[in-house]
């Protein structure tokens, strides 16, 4: 369990709108990835170490940030260091996070109104061990776009029958729908082509794999 730093039984509770840092690193002990999450809004901070009692430490499996260098259990052919936004699930509050498909009532992943009722997640920065910052990002997908929606919806664009898309606003790239409060300037008309949209939105920085530091602002509900 990720704790808040005040005791072993106190979980780190993050809230919508909080800004958090995520620090991935390894140590000379080779005891697995250390992941430190700090909530800059509440000042809570905790670390987990990816060291299994049954299979041992999870250390970096690749030394290059390249597409294809990903663990085989994932369904997306992406890179070792990725930010993943996985859609295709009901709300954890009302649907227990159950898998769902376009057209299914309650499948907010494909509902424009549900996306519009939040603020977009913001990735503020990515910094590597040598102090450099990510200058590029890319996205990959295992499936997605209008073709997936039309497989279970009679038409595209209705309730629970859209596919989320990327827009560019004053705070960076956003994923979901158009968020007018954030002054989008890219593709205000709707989804990008099926070949480019993602079921898993994966953001990547290209550089050192053993040390990464991200600052992320969490989405808010309205």
Protein backbone atom coordinates (compact mmCIF):
# COMPACT_ATOMS: atom_id res chain seq x y z
CA UNK A 1 0.00 0.00 0.00
CA UNK A 2 1.20 3.50 -0.83
CA UNK A 3 1.15 5.40 2.47
CA UNK A 4 1.12 9.13 3.16
CA UNK A 5 4.33 9.05 5.18
CA UNK A 6 2.69 9.38 8.60
CA UNK A 7 2.36 5.68 9.41
CA UNK A 8 2.24 2.20 7.83
CA UNK A 9 -1.56 2.03 8.02
CA UNK A 10 -2.30 5.49 6.58
CA UNK A 11 -2.90 5.38 2.81
CA UNK A 12 -1.94 8.25 0.54
CA UNK A 13 -5.32 9.67 -0.50
CA UNK A 14 -5.26 11.87 -3.59
CA UNK A 15 -8.12 14.14 -4.60
CA UNK A 16 -9.38 15.54 -7.88
CA UNK A 17 -7.44 18.66 -8.78
CA UNK A 18 -4.37 17.75 -6.72
CA UNK A 19 -0.91 18.11 -8.24
CA UNK A 20 1.31 15.09 -7.65
CA UNK A 21 4.87 14.11 -8.47
CA UNK A 22 5.80 10.55 -9.42
CA UNK A 23 9.47 9.57 -9.06
CA UNK A 24 10.62 6.22 -10.51
CA UNK A 25 14.17 5.19 -9.65
CA UNK A 26 16.43 2.27 -8.80
CA UNK A 27 19.19 1.99 -6.21
CA UNK A 28 22.59 0.21 -6.07
CA UNK A 29 20.86 -2.50 -4.02
CA UNK A 30 19.12 -3.67 -7.21
CA UNK A 31 16.01 -4.31 -5.12
CA UNK A 32 13.50 -3.24 -7.76
CA UNK A 33 11.96 0.02 -8.90
CA UNK A 34 11.23 2.52 -6.15
CA UNK A 35 8.14 4.64 -6.82
CA UNK A 36 7.70 7.77 -4.70
CA UNK A 37 4.41 9.64 -5.04
CA UNK A 38 4.12 13.08 -3.44
CA UNK A 39 0.89 15.06 -3.34
CA UNK A 40 2.05 18.67 -3.55
CA UNK A 41 -1.42 19.85 -2.59
CA UNK A 42 -1.66 17.95 0.70
CA UNK A 43 2.08 17.33 1.28
CA UNK A 44 1.46 13.59 1.69
CA UNK A 45 4.22 11.38 0.33
CA UNK A 46 4.97 7.67 0.22
CA UNK A 47 7.16 5.11 -1.55
CA UNK A 48 6.57 1.57 -2.73
CA UNK A 49 9.33 -0.81 -3.81
CA UNK A 50 8.55 -3.29 -6.58
CA UNK A 51 10.15 -6.31 -4.94
CA UNK A 52 8.01 -9.44 -4.84
CA UNK A 53 8.55 -12.05 -2.14
CA UNK A 54 7.82 -14.77 -4.71
CA UNK A 55 9.39 -13.53 -7.96
CA UNK A 56 11.96 -11.04 -6.73
CA UNK A 57 12.64 -7.41 -7.68
CA UNK A 58 11.22 -5.79 -10.80
CA UNK A 59 14.20 -4.06 -12.41
CA UNK A 60 14.31 -2.28 -15.82
CA UNK A 61 14.04 -4.93 -18.52
CA UNK A 62 15.33 -2.73 -21.36
CA UNK A 63 18.03 -0.11 -21.79
CA UNK A 64 16.44 1.79 -24.68
CA UNK A 65 13.19 3.80 -24.77
CA UNK A 66 11.92 2.27 -28.00
CA UNK A 67 8.56 1.02 -29.21
CA UNK A 68 8.44 -2.74 -28.71
CA UNK A 69 10.54 -2.69 -25.57
CA UNK A 70 7.58 -3.47 -23.35
CA UNK A 71 6.73 -6.34 -21.02
CA UNK A 72 4.78 -9.09 -22.78
CA UNK A 73 1.80 -9.05 -20.39
CA UNK A 74 0.66 -5.68 -21.75
CA UNK A 75 -1.70 -5.63 -24.73
CA UNK A 76 -0.13 -2.49 -26.22
CA UNK A 77 3.12 -2.53 -28.19
CA UNK A 78 4.59 0.52 -26.47
CA UNK A 79 7.76 1.58 -24.63
CA UNK A 80 9.27 0.74 -21.22
CA UNK A 81 8.33 4.12 -19.71
CA UNK A 82 4.78 5.15 -20.52
CA UNK A 83 1.84 7.02 -19.05
CA UNK A 84 -1.29 4.96 -19.67
CA UNK A 85 -4.89 6.12 -19.64
CA UNK A 86 -6.97 2.97 -20.05
CA UNK A 87 -10.58 3.44 -21.12
CA UNK A 88 -13.33 0.88 -21.69
CA UNK A 89 -14.41 0.58 -18.05
CA UNK A 90 -17.41 1.78 -16.08
CA UNK A 91 -16.94 4.26 -13.25
CA UNK A 92 -15.27 2.78 -10.18
CA UNK A 93 -17.90 4.63 -8.13
CA UNK A 94 -21.04 3.36 -9.89
CA UNK A 95 -19.96 0.34 -11.91
CA UNK A 96 -17.03 -1.11 -9.97
CA UNK A 97 -14.74 -0.44 -12.92
CA UNK A 98 -16.29 -3.25 -14.97
CA UNK A 99 -15.25 -3.70 -18.61
CA UNK A 100 -17.70 -2.10 -21.03
CA UNK A 101 -18.11 -1.29 -24.72
CA UNK A 102 -19.48 1.66 -26.74
CA UNK A 103 -23.26 1.96 -26.57
CA UNK A 104 -23.48 0.37 -23.14
CA UNK A 105 -25.31 2.63 -20.67
CA UNK A 106 -22.91 3.63 -17.93
CA UNK A 107 -19.81 3.21 -20.10
CA UNK A 108 -18.58 6.75 -19.54
CA UNK A 109 -15.39 6.14 -21.53
CA UNK A 110 -17.49 6.64 -24.67
CA UNK A 111 -19.79 9.38 -23.38
CA UNK A 112 -18.99 12.98 -24.32
CA UNK A 113 -21.01 14.42 -21.42
CA UNK A 114 -19.08 12.35 -18.90
CA UNK A 115 -15.73 13.57 -20.25
CA UNK A 116 -16.97 17.18 -20.37
CA UNK A 117 -17.87 16.93 -16.68
CA UNK A 118 -14.20 16.64 -15.72
CA UNK A 119 -11.10 18.73 -16.15
CA UNK A 120 -8.37 17.18 -18.31
CA UNK A 121 -5.42 15.50 -16.65
CA UNK A 122 -2.30 17.61 -17.11
CA UNK A 123 1.25 16.25 -17.37
CA UNK A 124 3.26 19.26 -16.26
CA UNK A 125 6.78 17.96 -16.86
CA UNK A 126 9.01 14.91 -17.17
CA UNK A 127 12.61 15.08 -15.89
CA UNK A 128 15.34 12.45 -16.20
CA UNK A 129 18.33 11.54 -14.05
CA UNK A 130 20.71 13.84 -15.90
CA UNK A 131 18.39 16.82 -15.44
CA UNK A 132 17.12 16.83 -19.01
CA UNK A 133 13.42 17.05 -19.78
CA UNK A 134 11.29 15.22 -22.31
CA UNK A 135 10.96 17.09 -25.59
CA UNK A 136 8.69 14.66 -27.44
CA UNK A 137 5.65 12.52 -26.86
CA UNK A 138 3.94 9.81 -28.88
CA UNK A 139 0.83 7.66 -28.58
CA UNK A 140 0.08 4.04 -29.39
CA UNK A 141 -3.14 2.03 -29.38
CA UNK A 142 -4.29 -1.54 -29.41
CA UNK A 143 -7.64 -0.56 -30.97
CA UNK A 144 -9.93 2.43 -31.20
CA UNK A 145 -11.68 5.10 -33.21
CA UNK A 146 -15.02 5.21 -35.00
CA UNK A 147 -14.67 1.62 -36.19
CA UNK A 148 -14.71 0.34 -32.62
CA UNK A 149 -17.70 2.52 -31.72
CA UNK A 150 -19.72 1.47 -34.76
CA UNK A 151 -19.17 -2.19 -33.94
CA UNK A 152 -21.69 -1.82 -31.11
CA UNK A 153 -23.45 1.52 -31.81
CA UNK A 154 -25.90 2.10 -34.67
CA UNK A 155 -24.43 5.55 -35.30
CA UNK A 156 -21.45 7.58 -34.17
CA UNK A 157 -21.82 10.58 -31.89
CA UNK A 158 -24.76 9.76 -29.66
CA UNK A 159 -24.86 9.06 -25.93
CA UNK A 160 -22.13 6.54 -24.98
CA UNK A 161 -21.14 6.40 -28.66
CA UNK A 162 -18.11 8.67 -29.11
CA UNK A 163 -14.41 7.91 -29.02
CA UNK A 164 -12.25 10.32 -26.98
CA UNK A 165 -9.69 12.40 -28.83
CA UNK A 166 -6.68 14.66 -28.31
CA UNK A 167 -6.86 18.44 -28.24
CA UNK A 168 -4.18 21.07 -27.64
CA UNK A 169 -4.84 23.71 -25.02
CA UNK A 170 -2.90 26.36 -23.16
CA UNK A 171 -1.77 23.75 -20.61
CA UNK A 172 -0.64 21.14 -23.15
CA UNK A 173 -2.28 18.19 -24.83
CA UNK A 174 -5.54 16.91 -23.36
CA UNK A 175 -7.33 13.60 -23.83
CA UNK A 176 -11.10 13.21 -23.76
CA UNK A 177 -13.31 15.72 -25.57
CA UNK A 178 -13.12 19.47 -26.18
CA UNK A 179 -12.67 21.28 -22.86
CA UNK A 180 -13.71 24.92 -23.55
CA UNK A 181 -12.44 26.08 -20.13
CA UNK A 182 -8.94 25.17 -21.25
CA UNK A 183 -8.96 26.99 -24.61
CA UNK A 184 -8.35 24.12 -27.02
CA UNK A 185 -6.75 25.03 -30.29
CA UNK A 186 -6.29 21.63 -31.96
CA UNK A 187 -9.01 19.63 -33.75
CA UNK A 188 -12.05 21.36 -32.24
CA UNK A 189 -14.23 19.43 -34.66
CA UNK A 190 -13.82 16.00 -33.13
CA UNK A 191 -11.85 12.79 -33.14
CA UNK A 192 -8.60 12.27 -34.96
CA UNK A 193 -8.45 9.32 -37.39
CA UNK A 194 -8.96 5.79 -36.12
CA UNK A 195 -5.35 4.94 -36.89
CA UNK A 196 -4.16 7.62 -34.52
CA UNK A 197 -6.55 7.58 -31.56
CA UNK A 198 -5.94 5.34 -28.61
CA UNK A 199 -7.72 2.98 -26.31
CA UNK A 200 -4.76 3.42 -24.01
CA UNK A 201 -3.43 6.95 -24.11
CA UNK A 202 0.31 6.54 -23.73
CA UNK A 203 2.58 9.53 -23.17
CA UNK A 204 6.30 9.02 -23.41
CA UNK A 205 9.50 10.89 -22.75
CA UNK A 206 12.60 9.65 -24.53
CA UNK A 207 15.73 9.28 -22.41
CA UNK A 208 17.17 7.54 -19.36
CA UNK A 209 15.11 4.57 -18.20
CA UNK A 210 16.28 4.12 -14.64
CA UNK A 211 15.18 7.47 -13.27
CA UNK A 212 12.09 9.47 -14.14
CA UNK A 213 10.26 12.27 -12.39
CA UNK A 214 6.81 13.46 -13.46
CA UNK A 215 4.55 16.24 -12.25
CA UNK A 216 0.87 15.49 -12.90
CA UNK A 217 -2.32 17.43 -12.15
CA UNK A 218 -5.23 15.07 -11.49
CA UNK A 219 -8.62 15.49 -13.23
CA UNK A 220 -11.49 17.20 -11.47
CA UNK A 221 -15.23 16.52 -11.65
CA UNK A 222 -17.70 19.35 -12.22
